[in-house]
């Protein structure tokens, strides 16, 4: 089967609120144009389109169909959709190219979190019989997870603050980041607790945003970009949605996905960790040492567009290879409560 490479990535700025519609068209049109210009491709050159979004978040059925307005009505397209982060849409598109059905694909994800009550919407993904009727929000569940780790001695509040401080410093040069700046961990620890034991810096901001990635077969990719980022391994795993049936301080699904994807000897890792303690869990599951640069973009803690943030991690990892800053990078995406579903991709310079 043919190898697949990332040849272009673009992202809309992560912002607290946009004035556009919930179908993401206003965010998607400019970044579609950006990747067209970068690759020299046009709409008619794309063999397959796949998107990730949520009708629940948009507040209407088949909102992803409305998003196709950003593509245009003609010529007809071959299109699919996943009701989750667009990193999983990328997996579907990767399979299409691997199987030889097409040699190019465009993947995009979008979410307008400001359209409704995000924490309440995310409760709809919980176990419908035991957990969802209690309406626990995503931050409350993450607080439980963080507390378990603190009580077990796996991390301290200072450890979490240091993750947040590093993320904000790294995001300073990222024009798409929502949060950034020079700050010390000690200063962050003086802020009040939001969801015990989590403080505001431990929690990713609520963001509107979108992202797009262009994939191509390795052979086609060499005609489109000087340094294609070849996906040498990609895998995803899932754990039970029953929060009481698993150890929330560990992520065996991330470890299994990483092992299957060949996640070793990487120089850079972009981890989709919407909470500071989750970065520590994912780092441990993947066995990433201090020699690996973690989230040089700032990560999800500095901009967390729902249903696009995981795709952004793959795009940011590919960007490091495109620029020549790395030859082997890792990207991680998560979906569901407390790291329930995890995807790991390994990219190398082609």
C-alpha atoms as a PDB file:
ATOM      1  CA  UNK A   1       0.000   0.000   0.000  1.00  0.00           C
ATOM      2  CA  UNK A   2       1.171   3.503  -0.812  1.00  0.00           C
ATOM      3  CA  UNK A   3       2.656   5.800   1.832  1.00  0.00           C
ATOM      4  CA  UNK A   4       0.734   8.956   2.744  1.00  0.00           C
ATOM      5  CA  UNK A   5       2.166  12.379   3.562  1.00  0.00           C
ATOM      6  CA  UNK A   6       0.947  15.675   4.982  1.00  0.00           C
ATOM      7  CA  UNK A   7       1.706  18.343   2.388  1.00  0.00           C
ATOM      8  CA  UNK A   8      -0.086  21.400   3.800  1.00  0.00           C
ATOM      9  CA  UNK A   9      -1.636  22.641   7.039  1.00  0.00           C
ATOM     10  CA  UNK A  10      -3.531  25.802   7.917  1.00  0.00           C
ATOM     11  CA  UNK A  11      -5.415  26.919  10.983  1.00  0.00           C
ATOM     12  CA  UNK A  12      -7.860  29.701  11.766  1.00  0.00           C
ATOM     13  CA  UNK A  13      -7.030  31.747  14.888  1.00  0.00           C
ATOM     14  CA  UNK A  14      -8.418  30.269  18.118  1.00  0.00           C
ATOM     15  CA  UNK A  15     -10.678  32.933  19.601  1.00  0.00           C
ATOM     16  CA  UNK A  16     -13.234  33.127  22.392  1.00  0.00           C
ATOM     17  CA  UNK A  17     -16.067  34.090  20.091  1.00  0.00           C
ATOM     18  CA  UNK A  18     -16.694  34.508  16.373  1.00  0.00           C
ATOM     19  CA  UNK A  19     -19.640  36.231  14.756  1.00  0.00           C
ATOM     20  CA  UNK A  20     -19.964  33.657  11.971  1.00  0.00           C
ATOM     21  CA  UNK A  21     -22.462  30.854  11.583  1.00  0.00           C
ATOM     22  CA  UNK A  22     -22.156  27.548  13.431  1.00  0.00           C
ATOM     23  CA  UNK A  23     -21.336  25.644  10.221  1.00  0.00           C
ATOM     24  CA  UNK A  24     -17.832  27.119  10.189  1.00  0.00           C
ATOM     25  CA  UNK A  25     -17.954  28.414   6.611  1.00  0.00           C
ATOM     26  CA  UNK A  26     -16.508  31.813   7.479  1.00  0.00           C
ATOM     27  CA  UNK A  27     -13.527  30.175   9.219  1.00  0.00           C
ATOM     28  CA  UNK A  28     -12.987  27.523   6.545  1.00  0.00           C
ATOM     29  CA  UNK A  29     -12.943  29.583   3.346  1.00  0.00           C
ATOM     30  CA  UNK A  30      -9.714  31.515   4.155  1.00  0.00           C
ATOM     31  CA  UNK A  31      -7.775  28.427   5.264  1.00  0.00           C
ATOM     32  CA  UNK A  32      -8.936  26.415   2.236  1.00  0.00           C
ATOM     33  CA  UNK A  33      -7.557  29.233   0.091  1.00  0.00           C
ATOM     34  CA  UNK A  34      -4.283  29.153   2.040  1.00  0.00           C
ATOM     35  CA  UNK A  35      -3.615  25.452   1.421  1.00  0.00           C
ATOM     36  CA  UNK A  36      -4.636  25.757  -2.244  1.00  0.00           C
ATOM     37  CA  UNK A  37      -2.058  28.517  -2.725  1.00  0.00           C
ATOM     38  CA  UNK A  38       0.619  26.643  -0.813  1.00  0.00           C
ATOM     39  CA  UNK A  39       0.259  23.418  -2.799  1.00  0.00           C
ATOM     40  CA  UNK A  40      -0.826  24.781  -6.172  1.00  0.00           C
ATOM     41  CA  UNK A  41      -3.874  22.511  -6.028  1.00  0.00           C
ATOM     42  CA  UNK A  42      -7.442  23.509  -6.757  1.00  0.00           C
ATOM     43  CA  UNK A  43     -10.734  22.029  -5.644  1.00  0.00           C
ATOM     44  CA  UNK A  44     -10.940  19.775  -8.660  1.00  0.00           C
ATOM     45  CA  UNK A  45      -7.551  18.223  -7.744  1.00  0.00           C
ATOM     46  CA  UNK A  46      -8.795  16.891  -4.369  1.00  0.00           C
ATOM     47  CA  UNK A  47      -9.832  13.243  -4.589  1.00  0.00           C
ATOM     48  CA  UNK A  48     -11.554  12.930  -1.204  1.00  0.00           C
ATOM     49  CA  UNK A  49     -12.852  15.302   1.463  1.00  0.00           C
ATOM     50  CA  UNK A  50     -13.436  14.382   5.108  1.00  0.00           C
ATOM     51  CA  UNK A  51     -14.485  16.562   8.037  1.00  0.00           C
ATOM     52  CA  UNK A  52     -14.875  16.395  11.780  1.00  0.00           C
ATOM     53  CA  UNK A  53     -17.427  18.409  13.733  1.00  0.00           C
ATOM     54  CA  UNK A  54     -20.455  18.025  15.998  1.00  0.00           C
ATOM     55  CA  UNK A  55     -24.111  18.647  15.258  1.00  0.00           C
ATOM     56  CA  UNK A  56     -24.743  18.875  19.007  1.00  0.00           C
ATOM     57  CA  UNK A  57     -22.256  21.736  19.297  1.00  0.00           C
ATOM     58  CA  UNK A  58     -23.654  23.484  16.221  1.00  0.00           C
ATOM     59  CA  UNK A  59     -27.191  23.105  17.543  1.00  0.00           C
ATOM     60  CA  UNK A  60     -28.678  21.721  14.337  1.00  0.00           C
ATOM     61  CA  UNK A  61     -28.841  18.485  12.400  1.00  0.00           C
ATOM     62  CA  UNK A  62     -26.430  17.859   9.510  1.00  0.00           C
ATOM     63  CA  UNK A  63     -24.439  21.033  10.149  1.00  0.00           C
ATOM     64  CA  UNK A  64     -21.492  19.402   8.354  1.00  0.00           C
ATOM     65  CA  UNK A  65     -23.547  19.450   5.156  1.00  0.00           C
ATOM     66  CA  UNK A  66     -23.910  23.214   5.496  1.00  0.00           C
ATOM     67  CA  UNK A  67     -20.123  23.457   5.932  1.00  0.00           C
ATOM     68  CA  UNK A  68     -19.709  22.118   2.394  1.00  0.00           C
ATOM     69  CA  UNK A  69     -20.741  25.597   1.255  1.00  0.00           C
ATOM     70  CA  UNK A  70     -17.090  26.465   1.943  1.00  0.00           C
ATOM     71  CA  UNK A  71     -16.074  23.954  -0.743  1.00  0.00           C
ATOM     72  CA  UNK A  72     -18.606  24.990  -3.364  1.00  0.00           C
ATOM     73  CA  UNK A  73     -21.362  23.254  -5.268  1.00  0.00           C
ATOM     74  CA  UNK A  74     -19.391  22.336  -8.391  1.00  0.00           C
ATOM     75  CA  UNK A  75     -17.699  20.169  -9.403  1.00  0.00           C
ATOM     76  CA  UNK A  76     -19.264  17.329  -7.351  1.00  0.00           C
ATOM     77  CA  UNK A  77     -17.052  15.920  -4.589  1.00  0.00           C
ATOM     78  CA  UNK A  78     -16.463  12.620  -2.792  1.00  0.00           C
ATOM     79  CA  UNK A  79     -17.087  13.516   0.865  1.00  0.00           C
ATOM     80  CA  UNK A  80     -17.380  11.925   4.319  1.00  0.00           C
ATOM     81  CA  UNK A  81     -17.665  13.060   7.933  1.00  0.00           C
ATOM     82  CA  UNK A  82     -16.951  11.930  11.500  1.00  0.00           C
ATOM     83  CA  UNK A  83     -18.843  13.179  14.535  1.00  0.00           C
ATOM     84  CA  UNK A  84     -15.674  13.770  16.563  1.00  0.00           C
ATOM     85  CA  UNK A  85     -12.294  15.463  16.326  1.00  0.00           C
ATOM     86  CA  UNK A  86     -11.056  15.767  12.751  1.00  0.00           C
ATOM     87  CA  UNK A  87      -7.932  13.756  13.615  1.00  0.00           C
ATOM     88  CA  UNK A  88     -10.199  10.749  13.113  1.00  0.00           C
ATOM     89  CA  UNK A  89     -11.346  12.208   9.793  1.00  0.00           C
ATOM     90  CA  UNK A  90      -7.676  12.279   8.835  1.00  0.00           C
ATOM     91  CA  UNK A  91      -7.455   8.574   9.686  1.00  0.00           C
ATOM     92  CA  UNK A  92     -10.334   7.859   7.286  1.00  0.00           C
ATOM     93  CA  UNK A  93      -8.695   9.938   4.547  1.00  0.00           C
ATOM     94  CA  UNK A  94      -5.342   8.225   5.203  1.00  0.00           C
ATOM     95  CA  UNK A  95      -7.031   4.868   4.587  1.00  0.00           C
ATOM     96  CA  UNK A  96      -8.539   6.088   1.306  1.00  0.00           C
ATOM     97  CA  UNK A  97      -5.100   6.979  -0.032  1.00  0.00           C
ATOM     98  CA  UNK A  98      -3.434   3.879   1.408  1.00  0.00           C
ATOM     99  CA  UNK A  99      -5.965   1.691  -0.425  1.00  0.00           C
ATOM    100  CA  UNK A 100      -5.224   3.463  -3.707  1.00  0.00           C
ATOM    101  CA  UNK A 101      -8.733   4.887  -4.165  1.00  0.00           C
ATOM    102  CA  UNK A 102      -7.424   8.476  -4.432  1.00  0.00           C
ATOM    103  CA  UNK A 103      -4.031  10.174  -4.341  1.00  0.00           C
ATOM    104  CA  UNK A 104      -5.065  13.412  -2.595  1.00  0.00           C
ATOM    105  CA  UNK A 105      -7.420  14.248   0.263  1.00  0.00           C
ATOM    106  CA  UNK A 106      -8.394  17.351   2.192  1.00  0.00           C
ATOM    107  CA  UNK A 107      -9.322  16.999   5.867  1.00  0.00           C
ATOM    108  CA  UNK A 108     -10.892  19.758   7.938  1.00  0.00           C
ATOM    109  CA  UNK A 109     -12.401  20.244  11.364  1.00  0.00           C
ATOM    110  CA  UNK A 110     -14.329  23.099  12.917  1.00  0.00           C
ATOM    111  CA  UNK A 111     -16.211  24.031  16.042  1.00  0.00           C
ATOM    112  CA  UNK A 112     -17.949  27.105  17.364  1.00  0.00           C
ATOM    113  CA  UNK A 113     -17.861  26.487  21.102  1.00  0.00           C
ATOM    114  CA  UNK A 114     -19.332  29.917  21.811  1.00  0.00           C
ATOM    115  CA  UNK A 115     -22.617  28.875  20.191  1.00  0.00           C
ATOM    116  CA  UNK A 116     -23.849  27.101  23.311  1.00  0.00           C
ATOM    117  CA  UNK A 117     -22.938  25.618  26.675  1.00  0.00           C
ATOM    118  CA  UNK A 118     -19.888  23.550  25.771  1.00  0.00           C
ATOM    119  CA  UNK A 119     -19.509  21.774  29.091  1.00  0.00           C
ATOM    120  CA  UNK A 120     -23.142  20.659  28.975  1.00  0.00           C
ATOM    121  CA  UNK A 121     -22.844  19.508  25.358  1.00  0.00           C
ATOM    122  CA  UNK A 122     -19.810  17.361  26.211  1.00  0.00           C
ATOM    123  CA  UNK A 123     -21.839  15.577  28.914  1.00  0.00           C
ATOM    124  CA  UNK A 124     -23.845  13.987  26.086  1.00  0.00           C
ATOM    125  CA  UNK A 125     -20.898  11.726  25.256  1.00  0.00           C
ATOM    126  CA  UNK A 126     -20.961  10.097  28.695  1.00  0.00           C
ATOM    127  CA  UNK A 127     -22.445   6.725  29.633  1.00  0.00           C
ATOM    128  CA  UNK A 128     -26.175   7.330  29.022  1.00  0.00           C
ATOM    129  CA  UNK A 129     -27.443   5.114  31.841  1.00  0.00           C
ATOM    130  CA  UNK A 130     -25.289   5.965  34.858  1.00  0.00           C
ATOM    131  CA  UNK A 131     -23.183   9.069  34.262  1.00  0.00           C
ATOM    132  CA  UNK A 132     -24.885  11.350  31.735  1.00  0.00           C
ATOM    133  CA  UNK A 133     -28.106  11.749  33.796  1.00  0.00           C
ATOM    134  CA  UNK A 134     -25.965  13.408  36.492  1.00  0.00           C
ATOM    135  CA  UNK A 135     -24.776  16.029  33.949  1.00  0.00           C
ATOM    136  CA  UNK A 136     -21.146  16.212  35.147  1.00  0.00           C
ATOM    137  CA  UNK A 137     -19.289  18.730  33.023  1.00  0.00           C
ATOM    138  CA  UNK A 138     -15.930  18.128  31.329  1.00  0.00           C
ATOM    139  CA  UNK A 139     -13.988  20.328  33.745  1.00  0.00           C
ATOM    140  CA  UNK A 140     -15.498  18.602  36.784  1.00  0.00           C
ATOM    141  CA  UNK A 141     -14.502  15.176  35.422  1.00  0.00           C
ATOM    142  CA  UNK A 142     -10.982  16.443  34.719  1.00  0.00           C
ATOM    143  CA  UNK A 143     -10.837  17.763  38.278  1.00  0.00           C
ATOM    144  CA  UNK A 144     -11.618  14.292  39.594  1.00  0.00           C
ATOM    145  CA  UNK A 145      -8.858  12.885  37.388  1.00  0.00           C
ATOM    146  CA  UNK A 146      -6.344  15.483  38.588  1.00  0.00           C
ATOM    147  CA  UNK A 147      -7.261  14.890  42.230  1.00  0.00           C
ATOM    148  CA  UNK A 148      -6.674  11.140  41.892  1.00  0.00           C
ATOM    149  CA  UNK A 149      -3.172  11.828  40.565  1.00  0.00           C
ATOM    150  CA  UNK A 150      -2.400  14.296  43.341  1.00  0.00           C
ATOM    151  CA  UNK A 151      -3.549  11.887  46.042  1.00  0.00           C
ATOM    152  CA  UNK A 152      -1.475   9.090  44.470  1.00  0.00           C
ATOM    153  CA  UNK A 153       1.639  11.289  44.430  1.00  0.00           C
ATOM    154  CA  UNK A 154       1.950  11.118  40.626  1.00  0.00           C
ATOM    155  CA  UNK A 155       2.185  14.898  40.247  1.00  0.00           C
ATOM    156  CA  UNK A 156       1.952  18.095  42.275  1.00  0.00           C
ATOM    157  CA  UNK A 157       0.181  21.390  41.712  1.00  0.00           C
ATOM    158  CA  UNK A 158       3.607  22.867  40.944  1.00  0.00           C
ATOM    159  CA  UNK A 159       4.125  20.262  38.203  1.00  0.00           C
ATOM    160  CA  UNK A 160       0.828  21.299  36.625  1.00  0.00           C
ATOM    161  CA  UNK A 161       1.683  25.004  36.819  1.00  0.00           C
ATOM    162  CA  UNK A 162       5.029  24.375  35.131  1.00  0.00           C
ATOM    163  CA  UNK A 163       3.239  22.682  32.207  1.00  0.00           C
ATOM    164  CA  UNK A 164       0.955  25.716  31.844  1.00  0.00           C
ATOM    165  CA  UNK A 165       3.821  28.228  32.100  1.00  0.00           C
ATOM    166  CA  UNK A 166       5.876  26.435  29.430  1.00  0.00           C
ATOM    167  CA  UNK A 167       2.862  26.174  27.122  1.00  0.00           C
ATOM    168  CA  UNK A 168       2.141  29.890  27.389  1.00  0.00           C
ATOM    169  CA  UNK A 169       5.758  30.816  26.727  1.00  0.00           C
ATOM    170  CA  UNK A 170       5.893  28.601  23.637  1.00  0.00           C
ATOM    171  CA  UNK A 171       2.610  30.023  22.332  1.00  0.00           C
ATOM    172  CA  UNK A 172       3.968  33.578  22.339  1.00  0.00           C
ATOM    173  CA  UNK A 173       5.042  33.325  18.692  1.00  0.00           C
ATOM    174  CA  UNK A 174       1.959  31.396  17.534  1.00  0.00           C
ATOM    175  CA  UNK A 175      -0.476  33.772  15.774  1.00  0.00           C
ATOM    176  CA  UNK A 176      -3.334  31.269  16.152  1.00  0.00           C
ATOM    177  CA  UNK A 177      -3.001  30.862  19.931  1.00  0.00           C
ATOM    178  CA  UNK A 178      -5.679  32.281  22.183  1.00  0.00           C
ATOM    179  CA  UNK A 179      -3.520  32.445  25.326  1.00  0.00           C
ATOM    180  CA  UNK A 180       0.200  33.147  25.651  1.00  0.00           C
ATOM    181  CA  UNK A 181       2.872  35.213  27.329  1.00  0.00           C
ATOM    182  CA  UNK A 182       5.775  35.027  29.742  1.00  0.00           C
ATOM    183  CA  UNK A 183       4.629  33.807  33.151  1.00  0.00           C
ATOM    184  CA  UNK A 184       6.213  31.858  36.000  1.00  0.00           C
ATOM    185  CA  UNK A 185       4.730  28.784  37.657  1.00  0.00           C
ATOM    186  CA  UNK A 186       4.858  30.419  41.097  1.00  0.00           C
ATOM    187  CA  UNK A 187       2.711  33.284  39.814  1.00  0.00           C
ATOM    188  CA  UNK A 188       0.131  30.886  38.379  1.00  0.00           C
ATOM    189  CA  UNK A 189      -0.136  29.032  41.684  1.00  0.00           C
ATOM    190  CA  UNK A 190      -1.387  32.225  43.339  1.00  0.00           C
ATOM    191  CA  UNK A 191      -4.560  32.174  41.214  1.00  0.00           C
ATOM    192  CA  UNK A 192      -7.812  30.802  42.709  1.00  0.00           C
ATOM    193  CA  UNK A 193      -9.032  27.236  42.266  1.00  0.00           C
ATOM    194  CA  UNK A 194     -11.740  26.841  39.598  1.00  0.00           C
ATOM    195  CA  UNK A 195     -12.596  23.129  39.860  1.00  0.00           C
ATOM    196  CA  UNK A 196     -10.639  21.662  42.746  1.00  0.00           C
ATOM    197  CA  UNK A 197      -7.712  21.117  42.288  1.00  0.00           C
ATOM    198  CA  UNK A 198      -7.661  22.795  38.870  1.00  0.00           C
ATOM    199  CA  UNK A 199      -6.986  26.498  38.380  1.00  0.00           C
ATOM    200  CA  UNK A 200      -7.745  28.507  35.250  1.00  0.00           C
ATOM    201  CA  UNK A 201      -4.271  27.872  33.803  1.00  0.00           C
ATOM    202  CA  UNK A 202      -4.828  24.105  34.093  1.00  0.00           C
ATOM    203  CA  UNK A 203      -7.832  24.254  31.762  1.00  0.00           C
ATOM    204  CA  UNK A 204      -7.766  24.839  28.003  1.00  0.00           C
ATOM    205  CA  UNK A 205      -9.673  27.960  26.946  1.00  0.00           C
ATOM    206  CA  UNK A 206     -13.040  27.601  25.253  1.00  0.00           C
ATOM    207  CA  UNK A 207     -12.235  28.333  21.615  1.00  0.00           C
ATOM    208  CA  UNK A 208     -13.898  28.834  18.266  1.00  0.00           C
ATOM    209  CA  UNK A 209     -11.662  27.702  15.428  1.00  0.00           C
ATOM    210  CA  UNK A 210     -10.971  25.461  12.452  1.00  0.00           C
ATOM    211  CA  UNK A 211      -8.080  23.663  10.784  1.00  0.00           C
ATOM    212  CA  UNK A 212      -7.329  21.962   7.468  1.00  0.00           C
ATOM    213  CA  UNK A 213      -4.729  19.432   6.302  1.00  0.00           C
ATOM    214  CA  UNK A 214      -3.981  18.261   2.766  1.00  0.00           C
ATOM    215  CA  UNK A 215      -2.800  14.663   2.370  1.00  0.00           C
ATOM    216  CA  UNK A 216      -1.228  13.119  -0.704  1.00  0.00           C
ATOM    217  CA  UNK A 217       0.330   9.839  -1.699  1.00  0.00           C
ATOM    218  CA  UNK A 218       4.091   9.921  -1.109  1.00  0.00           C
ATOM    219  CA  UNK A 219       4.716   9.931  -4.862  1.00  0.00           C
ATOM    220  CA  UNK A 220       2.352  12.844  -5.463  1.00  0.00           C
ATOM    221  CA  UNK A 221       3.609  14.668  -2.360  1.00  0.00           C
ATOM    222  CA  UNK A 222       7.111  15.082  -3.774  1.00  0.00           C
ATOM    223  CA  UNK A 223       5.654  17.233  -6.561  1.00  0.00           C
ATOM    224  CA  UNK A 224       3.821  19.465  -4.074  1.00  0.00           C
ATOM    225  CA  UNK A 225       6.300  20.192  -1.292  1.00  0.00           C
ATOM    226  CA  UNK A 226      10.048  20.019  -0.719  1.00  0.00           C
ATOM    227  CA  UNK A 227       9.835  18.196   2.625  1.00  0.00           C
ATOM    228  CA  UNK A 228       6.664  16.086   2.824  1.00  0.00           C
ATOM    229  CA  UNK A 229       5.793  14.747   6.286  1.00  0.00           C
ATOM    230  CA  UNK A 230       5.188  11.035   5.654  1.00  0.00           C
ATOM    231  CA  UNK A 231       2.858   9.291   8.108  1.00  0.00           C
ATOM    232  CA  UNK A 232       4.910   6.193   8.956  1.00  0.00           C
ATOM    233  CA  UNK A 233       2.489   5.004  11.622  1.00  0.00           C
ATOM    234  CA  UNK A 234      -1.009   5.897  12.816  1.00  0.00           C
ATOM    235  CA  UNK A 235      -3.335   4.073  15.181  1.00  0.00           C
ATOM    236  CA  UNK A 236      -6.159   4.751  17.615  1.00  0.00           C
ATOM    237  CA  UNK A 237      -7.548   2.918  20.638  1.00  0.00           C
ATOM    238  CA  UNK A 238     -10.561   3.311  22.915  1.00  0.00           C
ATOM    239  CA  UNK A 239     -11.321   2.628  26.568  1.00  0.00           C
ATOM    240  CA  UNK A 240     -14.579   2.081  28.434  1.00  0.00           C
ATOM    241  CA  UNK A 241     -16.798   5.146  28.879  1.00  0.00           C
ATOM    242  CA  UNK A 242     -17.542   3.985  32.441  1.00  0.00           C
ATOM    243  CA  UNK A 243     -15.344   6.317  34.462  1.00  0.00           C
ATOM    244  CA  UNK A 244     -15.340   4.049  37.507  1.00  0.00           C
ATOM    245  CA  UNK A 245     -14.175   1.043  35.501  1.00  0.00           C
ATOM    246  CA  UNK A 246     -10.715   2.375  34.613  1.00  0.00           C
ATOM    247  CA  UNK A 247      -7.726   3.989  36.290  1.00  0.00           C
ATOM    248  CA  UNK A 248      -8.086   7.639  35.313  1.00  0.00           C
ATOM    249  CA  UNK A 249      -4.457   8.387  36.166  1.00  0.00           C
ATOM    250  CA  UNK A 250      -3.204   6.158  33.352  1.00  0.00           C
ATOM    251  CA  UNK A 251      -3.905   5.952  29.610  1.00  0.00           C
ATOM    252  CA  UNK A 252      -3.377   2.393  28.352  1.00  0.00           C
ATOM    253  CA  UNK A 253      -5.168   3.235  25.099  1.00  0.00           C
ATOM    254  CA  UNK A 254      -2.549   5.921  24.357  1.00  0.00           C
ATOM    255  CA  UNK A 255       0.234   3.470  25.171  1.00  0.00           C
ATOM    256  CA  UNK A 256      -1.285   0.819  22.884  1.00  0.00           C
ATOM    257  CA  UNK A 257      -1.846   3.283  20.035  1.00  0.00           C
ATOM    258  CA  UNK A 258       1.692   4.604  20.397  1.00  0.00           C
ATOM    259  CA  UNK A 259       3.202   1.111  20.333  1.00  0.00           C
ATOM    260  CA  UNK A 260       1.186   0.196  17.225  1.00  0.00           C
ATOM    261  CA  UNK A 261       2.204   3.442  15.487  1.00  0.00           C
ATOM    262  CA  UNK A 262       5.894   2.993  16.286  1.00  0.00           C
ATOM    263  CA  UNK A 263       6.134   6.044  18.522  1.00  0.00           C
ATOM    264  CA  UNK A 264       9.850   5.906  19.384  1.00  0.00           C
ATOM    265  CA  UNK A 265      12.894   8.105  18.820  1.00  0.00           C
ATOM    266  CA  UNK A 266      10.888  11.254  18.091  1.00  0.00           C
ATOM    267  CA  UNK A 267      12.310  14.750  18.389  1.00  0.00           C
ATOM    268  CA  UNK A 268       9.039  16.675  18.732  1.00  0.00           C
ATOM    269  CA  UNK A 269       5.661  15.671  20.164  1.00  0.00           C
ATOM    270  CA  UNK A 270       2.413  17.611  19.810  1.00  0.00           C
ATOM    271  CA  UNK A 271       0.075  16.272  22.506  1.00  0.00           C
ATOM    272  CA  UNK A 272      -3.644  17.020  22.625  1.00  0.00           C
ATOM    273  CA  UNK A 273      -3.973  17.646  26.364  1.00  0.00           C
ATOM    274  CA  UNK A 274      -6.808  20.057  27.248  1.00  0.00           C
ATOM    275  CA  UNK A 275      -5.759  19.903  30.927  1.00  0.00           C
ATOM    276  CA  UNK A 276      -2.248  20.207  32.373  1.00  0.00           C
ATOM    277  CA  UNK A 277      -2.308  16.869  34.178  1.00  0.00           C
ATOM    278  CA  UNK A 278      -3.394  15.091  30.992  1.00  0.00           C
ATOM    279  CA  UNK A 279      -0.143  16.111  29.316  1.00  0.00           C
ATOM    280  CA  UNK A 280       1.724  14.301  32.097  1.00  0.00           C
ATOM    281  CA  UNK A 281      -0.452  11.193  31.656  1.00  0.00           C
ATOM    282  CA  UNK A 282       0.071  11.110  27.881  1.00  0.00           C
ATOM    283  CA  UNK A 283       3.816  11.749  28.170  1.00  0.00           C
ATOM    284  CA  UNK A 284       4.128   8.822  30.548  1.00  0.00           C
ATOM    285  CA  UNK A 285       1.976   6.536  28.360  1.00  0.00           C
ATOM    286  CA  UNK A 286       4.156   7.273  25.326  1.00  0.00           C
ATOM    287  CA  UNK A 287       7.421   7.073  27.232  1.00  0.00           C
ATOM    288  CA  UNK A 288       8.547  10.549  26.145  1.00  0.00           C
ATOM    289  CA  UNK A 289      11.754  11.660  27.830  1.00  0.00           C
ATOM    290  CA  UNK A 290      13.136  15.094  28.609  1.00  0.00           C
ATOM    291  CA  UNK A 291      14.950  15.113  25.263  1.00  0.00           C
ATOM    292  CA  UNK A 292      11.625  15.361  23.375  1.00  0.00           C
ATOM    293  CA  UNK A 293      10.291  18.869  22.696  1.00  0.00           C
ATOM    294  CA  UNK A 294       6.665  18.885  23.890  1.00  0.00           C
ATOM    295  CA  UNK A 295       4.074  21.152  22.259  1.00  0.00           C
ATOM    296  CA  UNK A 296       6.350  23.814  20.733  1.00  0.00           C
ATOM    297  CA  UNK A 297       3.157  25.422  19.368  1.00  0.00           C
ATOM    298  CA  UNK A 298       1.802  25.918  22.884  1.00  0.00           C
ATOM    299  CA  UNK A 299      -0.619  23.012  22.595  1.00  0.00           C
ATOM    300  CA  UNK A 300      -4.331  22.843  23.374  1.00  0.00           C
ATOM    301  CA  UNK A 301      -3.814  24.730  26.646  1.00  0.00           C
ATOM    302  CA  UNK A 302      -3.306  27.905  24.606  1.00  0.00           C
ATOM    303  CA  UNK A 303      -6.068  27.316  22.042  1.00  0.00           C
ATOM    304  CA  UNK A 304      -8.596  24.498  21.995  1.00  0.00           C
ATOM    305  CA  UNK A 305     -10.993  24.665  19.034  1.00  0.00           C
ATOM    306  CA  UNK A 306     -13.385  21.787  19.584  1.00  0.00           C
ATOM    307  CA  UNK A 307     -13.277  19.065  16.910  1.00  0.00           C
ATOM    308  CA  UNK A 308     -10.177  20.638  15.349  1.00  0.00           C
ATOM    309  CA  UNK A 309      -7.597  20.700  18.172  1.00  0.00           C
ATOM    310  CA  UNK A 310      -6.515  17.087  17.567  1.00  0.00           C
ATOM    311  CA  UNK A 311      -6.094  17.729  13.844  1.00  0.00           C
ATOM    312  CA  UNK A 312      -4.063  20.810  14.740  1.00  0.00           C
ATOM    313  CA  UNK A 313      -1.623  18.612  16.660  1.00  0.00           C
ATOM    314  CA  UNK A 314      -0.977  16.560  13.508  1.00  0.00           C
ATOM    315  CA  UNK A 315      -0.622  19.733  11.471  1.00  0.00           C
ATOM    316  CA  UNK A 316       1.796  21.309  13.937  1.00  0.00           C
ATOM    317  CA  UNK A 317       3.926  18.147  14.016  1.00  0.00           C
ATOM    318  CA  UNK A 318       3.999  18.152  10.210  1.00  0.00           C
ATOM    319  CA  UNK A 319       4.895  21.853  10.191  1.00  0.00           C
ATOM    320  CA  UNK A 320       8.115  21.051  12.101  1.00  0.00           C
ATOM    321  CA  UNK A 321       9.098  18.595   9.391  1.00  0.00           C
ATOM    322  CA  UNK A 322       8.109  20.939   6.551  1.00  0.00           C
ATOM    323  CA  UNK A 323      10.310  23.669   8.026  1.00  0.00           C
ATOM    324  CA  UNK A 324      13.285  21.366   8.578  1.00  0.00           C
ATOM    325  CA  UNK A 325      13.178  21.753  12.380  1.00  0.00           C
ATOM    326  CA  UNK A 326      12.619  18.006  12.866  1.00  0.00           C
ATOM    327  CA  UNK A 327      12.976  14.790  10.915  1.00  0.00           C
ATOM    328  CA  UNK A 328      10.710  12.605  13.081  1.00  0.00           C
ATOM    329  CA  UNK A 329       7.703  13.895  15.029  1.00  0.00           C
ATOM    330  CA  UNK A 330       4.737  12.545  16.951  1.00  0.00           C
ATOM    331  CA  UNK A 331       1.170  13.806  17.135  1.00  0.00           C
ATOM    332  CA  UNK A 332      -1.545  12.780  19.594  1.00  0.00           C
ATOM    333  CA  UNK A 333      -5.271  13.469  19.577  1.00  0.00           C
ATOM    334  CA  UNK A 334      -7.919  12.649  22.165  1.00  0.00           C
ATOM    335  CA  UNK A 335     -11.684  12.546  22.295  1.00  0.00           C
ATOM    336  CA  UNK A 336     -14.174  11.650  24.991  1.00  0.00           C
ATOM    337  CA  UNK A 337     -14.021  12.171  28.771  1.00  0.00           C
ATOM    338  CA  UNK A 338     -10.746  11.806  30.681  1.00  0.00           C
ATOM    339  CA  UNK A 339      -8.671  10.609  27.690  1.00  0.00           C
ATOM    340  CA  UNK A 340     -11.156   7.894  26.704  1.00  0.00           C
ATOM    341  CA  UNK A 341     -10.191   7.712  23.006  1.00  0.00           C
ATOM    342  CA  UNK A 342      -6.661   8.354  21.755  1.00  0.00           C
ATOM    343  CA  UNK A 343      -4.968   8.528  18.373  1.00  0.00           C
ATOM    344  CA  UNK A 344      -1.207   8.592  17.786  1.00  0.00           C
ATOM    345  CA  UNK A 345       0.555   9.393  14.501  1.00  0.00           C
ATOM    346  CA  UNK A 346       4.268   9.325  13.709  1.00  0.00           C
ATOM    347  CA  UNK A 347       5.574  11.514  10.887  1.00  0.00           C
ATOM    348  CA  UNK A 348       8.968  11.488   9.171  1.00  0.00           C
ATOM    349  CA  UNK A 349      10.615  13.606   6.511  1.00  0.00           C
ATOM    350  CA  UNK A 350       9.963  12.051   3.122  1.00  0.00           C
END
